[in-house]
Amino acid sequence: MLEERGIVVAVAENGQVFVATQRQSACGHCQSEKSCGTNLLSNNAANQQTISVNANGHSLAIDDVVLLAIDESVVWLGILQLYVWPLIALIIGGILGQSIAGEVGAMIGAFSCLTLNLLSVRWRTQRENDNYLPIVIKKLI
């Protein structure tokens, strides 16, 4: 389980709450932190982000500090759905299109398979929205 602290900023009636979490960055801990452009950009960016989470049966109010958790399998499934499967669909569509109609067919097939794959990912994630949300495991304060 991956865990993170957050502060409740809004409460919805459907069992979901909106939590502000502190954005974590790996930058700023090396010898070139003063001259690195990435560190400068990350320091100037907004440090808070608001996410929707499942209250998991907890009665929460605004400004409550909570501990959030998300299972690693959800993260790995997201990586598969958003990066691996579209890449595989792109390759398969290109190969099928190439075998049917040459170079133009490869482009059309690759784009078509990629688009269909991304639409199916969107449909699945909207249908199973609560399965991908982090959950509140503990109210801290």
C-alpha atoms as a PDB file:
ATOM      1  CA  MET A   1       0.000   0.000   0.000  1.00  0.00           C
ATOM      2  CA  LEU A   2       1.206   3.465  -0.901  1.00  0.00           C
ATOM      3  CA  GLU A   3       0.282   6.007   1.781  1.00  0.00           C
ATOM      4  CA  GLU A   4       0.064   9.801   1.830  1.00  0.00           C
ATOM      5  CA  ARG A   5      -1.238  12.450   4.230  1.00  0.00           C
ATOM      6  CA  GLY A   6      -3.767  15.020   3.143  1.00  0.00           C
ATOM      7  CA  ILE A   7      -6.231  17.651   4.333  1.00  0.00           C
ATOM      8  CA  VAL A   8      -9.934  17.443   3.468  1.00  0.00           C
ATOM      9  CA  VAL A   9     -10.969  20.504   1.471  1.00  0.00           C
ATOM     10  CA  ALA A  10     -14.495  19.473   0.386  1.00  0.00           C
ATOM     11  CA  VAL A  11     -17.015  16.760   1.174  1.00  0.00           C
ATOM     12  CA  ALA A  12     -19.353  15.267  -1.440  1.00  0.00           C
ATOM     13  CA  GLU A  13     -22.575  13.451  -0.613  1.00  0.00           C
ATOM     14  CA  ASN A  14     -21.710  10.280  -2.545  1.00  0.00           C
ATOM     15  CA  GLY A  15     -19.046   9.042  -0.100  1.00  0.00           C
ATOM     16  CA  GLN A  16     -16.230  10.893  -1.787  1.00  0.00           C
ATOM     17  CA  VAL A  17     -14.141  13.702  -0.370  1.00  0.00           C
ATOM     18  CA  PHE A  18     -11.649  16.047  -1.973  1.00  0.00           C
ATOM     19  CA  VAL A  19      -8.256  16.025  -0.291  1.00  0.00           C
ATOM     20  CA  ALA A  20      -5.321  18.403  -0.799  1.00  0.00           C
ATOM     21  CA  THR A  21      -1.999  16.591  -0.712  1.00  0.00           C
ATOM     22  CA  GLN A  22       1.516  17.980  -0.729  1.00  0.00           C
ATOM     23  CA  ARG A  23       3.240  17.342  -4.063  1.00  0.00           C
ATOM     24  CA  GLN A  24       6.428  15.322  -3.576  1.00  0.00           C
ATOM     25  CA  SER A  25       9.532  15.930  -5.666  1.00  0.00           C
ATOM     26  CA  ALA A  26      12.789  14.038  -5.905  1.00  0.00           C
ATOM     27  CA  CYS A  27      14.583  17.157  -7.067  1.00  0.00           C
ATOM     28  CA  GLY A  28      16.543  19.463  -4.842  1.00  0.00           C
ATOM     29  CA  HIS A  29      18.685  16.873  -3.134  1.00  0.00           C
ATOM     30  CA  CYS A  30      21.767  16.743  -5.327  1.00  0.00           C
ATOM     31  CA  GLN A  31      24.914  18.841  -5.692  1.00  0.00           C
ATOM     32  CA  SER A  32      23.618  20.841  -8.659  1.00  0.00           C
ATOM     33  CA  GLU A  33      20.294  21.868  -7.107  1.00  0.00           C
ATOM     34  CA  LYS A  34      21.070  25.612  -7.348  1.00  0.00           C
ATOM     35  CA  SER A  35      21.806  25.494 -11.085  1.00  0.00           C
ATOM     36  CA  CYS A  36      19.356  22.825 -12.213  1.00  0.00           C
ATOM     37  CA  GLY A  37      16.407  24.016 -14.283  1.00  0.00           C
ATOM     38  CA  THR A  38      14.192  21.148 -13.185  1.00  0.00           C
ATOM     39  CA  ASN A  39      14.583  22.114  -9.537  1.00  0.00           C
ATOM     40  CA  LEU A  40      13.723  25.730 -10.327  1.00  0.00           C
ATOM     41  CA  LEU A  41      10.575  24.706 -12.203  1.00  0.00           C
ATOM     42  CA  SER A  42       9.429  22.313  -9.478  1.00  0.00           C
ATOM     43  CA  ASN A  43       9.883  24.976  -6.794  1.00  0.00           C
ATOM     44  CA  ASN A  44       7.862  27.523  -8.765  1.00  0.00           C
ATOM     45  CA  ALA A  45       5.019  25.115  -9.534  1.00  0.00           C
ATOM     46  CA  ALA A  46       2.042  24.753  -7.231  1.00  0.00           C
ATOM     47  CA  ASN A  47       2.969  22.451  -4.363  1.00  0.00           C
ATOM     48  CA  GLN A  48      -0.558  21.267  -3.597  1.00  0.00           C
ATOM     49  CA  GLN A  49      -2.901  19.161  -5.635  1.00  0.00           C
ATOM     50  CA  THR A  50      -6.490  18.237  -4.887  1.00  0.00           C
ATOM     51  CA  ILE A  51      -7.659  14.686  -5.521  1.00  0.00           C
ATOM     52  CA  SER A  52     -10.947  12.864  -5.143  1.00  0.00           C
ATOM     53  CA  VAL A  53     -10.812   9.969  -2.674  1.00  0.00           C
ATOM     54  CA  ASN A  54     -13.207   7.392  -1.257  1.00  0.00           C
ATOM     55  CA  ALA A  55     -14.137   8.251   2.368  1.00  0.00           C
ATOM     56  CA  ASN A  56     -14.338   4.515   3.156  1.00  0.00           C
ATOM     57  CA  GLY A  57     -17.080   4.955   5.758  1.00  0.00           C
ATOM     58  CA  HIS A  58     -15.295   7.673   7.755  1.00  0.00           C
ATOM     59  CA  SER A  59     -17.295  10.756   8.722  1.00  0.00           C
ATOM     60  CA  LEU A  60     -15.064  13.606   7.656  1.00  0.00           C
ATOM     61  CA  ALA A  61     -15.288  17.366   7.797  1.00  0.00           C
ATOM     62  CA  ILE A  62     -13.349  20.112   6.081  1.00  0.00           C
ATOM     63  CA  ASP A  63      -9.804  20.616   7.477  1.00  0.00           C
ATOM     64  CA  ASP A  64      -9.555  17.041   8.840  1.00  0.00           C
ATOM     65  CA  VAL A  65      -6.102  15.501   8.365  1.00  0.00           C
ATOM     66  CA  VAL A  66      -6.367  12.007   6.893  1.00  0.00           C
ATOM     67  CA  LEU A  67      -4.080   9.177   5.841  1.00  0.00           C
ATOM     68  CA  LEU A  68      -4.767   7.971   2.289  1.00  0.00           C
ATOM     69  CA  ALA A  69      -3.784   4.651   0.771  1.00  0.00           C
ATOM     70  CA  ILE A  70      -3.821   3.083  -2.665  1.00  0.00           C
ATOM     71  CA  ASP A  71      -2.885  -0.479  -3.501  1.00  0.00           C
ATOM     72  CA  GLU A  72       0.176  -1.042  -5.688  1.00  0.00           C
ATOM     73  CA  SER A  73      -1.866  -3.298  -7.968  1.00  0.00           C
ATOM     74  CA  VAL A  74      -4.039  -0.300  -8.904  1.00  0.00           C
ATOM     75  CA  VAL A  75      -0.918   1.647  -9.871  1.00  0.00           C
ATOM     76  CA  TRP A  76       0.437  -1.245 -11.950  1.00  0.00           C
ATOM     77  CA  LEU A  77      -2.946  -1.749 -13.615  1.00  0.00           C
ATOM     78  CA  GLY A  78      -3.008   1.957 -14.472  1.00  0.00           C
ATOM     79  CA  ILE A  79       0.468   1.705 -16.006  1.00  0.00           C
ATOM     80  CA  LEU A  80      -0.652  -1.254 -18.105  1.00  0.00           C
ATOM     81  CA  GLN A  81      -3.846   0.456 -19.261  1.00  0.00           C
ATOM     82  CA  LEU A  82      -2.312   3.842 -20.032  1.00  0.00           C
ATOM     83  CA  TYR A  83       1.108   2.937 -21.413  1.00  0.00           C
ATOM     84  CA  VAL A  84       1.560  -0.738 -22.297  1.00  0.00           C
ATOM     85  CA  TRP A  85      -1.780  -1.664 -23.918  1.00  0.00           C
ATOM     86  CA  PRO A  86      -1.943   1.468 -26.122  1.00  0.00           C
ATOM     87  CA  LEU A  87       1.618   0.836 -27.310  1.00  0.00           C
ATOM     88  CA  ILE A  88       0.787  -2.778 -28.127  1.00  0.00           C
ATOM     89  CA  ALA A  89      -2.408  -1.673 -29.918  1.00  0.00           C
ATOM     90  CA  LEU A  90      -0.408   0.869 -31.917  1.00  0.00           C
ATOM     91  CA  ILE A  91       2.085  -1.786 -33.028  1.00  0.00           C
ATOM     92  CA  ILE A  92      -0.550  -4.415 -33.857  1.00  0.00           C
ATOM     93  CA  GLY A  93      -2.651  -1.868 -35.778  1.00  0.00           C
ATOM     94  CA  GLY A  94       0.408  -0.787 -37.755  1.00  0.00           C
ATOM     95  CA  ILE A  95       1.340  -4.365 -38.626  1.00  0.00           C
ATOM     96  CA  LEU A  96      -2.227  -5.251 -39.677  1.00  0.00           C
ATOM     97  CA  GLY A  97      -2.622  -2.072 -41.687  1.00  0.00           C
ATOM     98  CA  GLN A  98       0.764  -2.615 -43.396  1.00  0.00           C
ATOM     99  CA  SER A  99      -0.209  -6.136 -44.406  1.00  0.00           C
ATOM    100  CA  ILE A 100      -3.555  -4.985 -45.821  1.00  0.00           C
ATOM    101  CA  ALA A 101      -2.853  -1.643 -47.501  1.00  0.00           C
ATOM    102  CA  GLY A 102       0.831  -0.746 -47.324  1.00  0.00           C
ATOM    103  CA  GLU A 103       2.271   2.358 -45.714  1.00  0.00           C
ATOM    104  CA  VAL A 104      -0.940   4.400 -45.623  1.00  0.00           C
ATOM    105  CA  GLY A 105      -2.764   1.387 -44.204  1.00  0.00           C
ATOM    106  CA  ALA A 106      -0.123   1.088 -41.495  1.00  0.00           C
ATOM    107  CA  MET A 107      -0.721   4.669 -40.403  1.00  0.00           C
ATOM    108  CA  ILE A 108      -4.495   4.324 -40.490  1.00  0.00           C
ATOM    109  CA  GLY A 109      -4.412   0.952 -38.718  1.00  0.00           C
ATOM    110  CA  ALA A 110      -2.033   2.158 -36.009  1.00  0.00           C
ATOM    111  CA  PHE A 111      -4.060   5.301 -35.345  1.00  0.00           C
ATOM    112  CA  SER A 112      -7.363   3.395 -35.376  1.00  0.00           C
ATOM    113  CA  CYS A 113      -6.219   0.689 -32.965  1.00  0.00           C
ATOM    114  CA  LEU A 114      -4.658   3.268 -30.647  1.00  0.00           C
ATOM    115  CA  THR A 115      -7.848   5.338 -30.635  1.00  0.00           C
ATOM    116  CA  LEU A 116     -10.052   2.294 -29.965  1.00  0.00           C
ATOM    117  CA  ASN A 117      -7.765   1.210 -27.142  1.00  0.00           C
ATOM    118  CA  LEU A 118      -7.793   4.640 -25.482  1.00  0.00           C
ATOM    119  CA  LEU A 119     -11.588   4.847 -25.795  1.00  0.00           C
ATOM    120  CA  SER A 120     -11.934   1.413 -24.163  1.00  0.00           C
ATOM    121  CA  VAL A 121      -9.644   2.525 -21.321  1.00  0.00           C
ATOM    122  CA  ARG A 122     -11.782   5.611 -20.806  1.00  0.00           C
ATOM    123  CA  TRP A 123     -14.984   3.536 -20.829  1.00  0.00           C
ATOM    124  CA  ARG A 124     -13.573   1.001 -18.322  1.00  0.00           C
ATOM    125  CA  THR A 125     -12.251   3.628 -15.917  1.00  0.00           C
ATOM    126  CA  GLN A 126     -15.518   5.596 -15.951  1.00  0.00           C
ATOM    127  CA  ARG A 127     -17.509   2.422 -15.332  1.00  0.00           C
ATOM    128  CA  GLU A 128     -15.273   1.349 -12.429  1.00  0.00           C
ATOM    129  CA  ASN A 129     -14.479   4.824 -11.074  1.00  0.00           C
ATOM    130  CA  ASP A 130     -14.435   3.909  -7.362  1.00  0.00           C
ATOM    131  CA  ASN A 131     -12.026   1.002  -7.912  1.00  0.00           C
ATOM    132  CA  TYR A 132      -9.230   3.379  -8.893  1.00  0.00           C
ATOM    133  CA  LEU A 133      -9.634   5.991  -6.151  1.00  0.00           C
ATOM    134  CA  PRO A 134      -7.394   6.184  -3.094  1.00  0.00           C
ATOM    135  CA  ILE A 135      -9.179   5.404   0.154  1.00  0.00           C
ATOM    136  CA  VAL A 136      -9.082   7.045   3.572  1.00  0.00           C
ATOM    137  CA  ILE A 137      -7.628   4.531   6.009  1.00  0.00           C
ATOM    138  CA  LYS A 138      -7.364   6.735   9.073  1.00  0.00           C
ATOM    139  CA  LYS A 139      -8.408  10.126  10.393  1.00  0.00           C
ATOM    140  CA  LEU A 140      -5.297  11.590  12.005  1.00  0.00           C
ATOM    141  CA  ILE A 141      -6.449  14.759  13.753  1.00  0.00           C
END
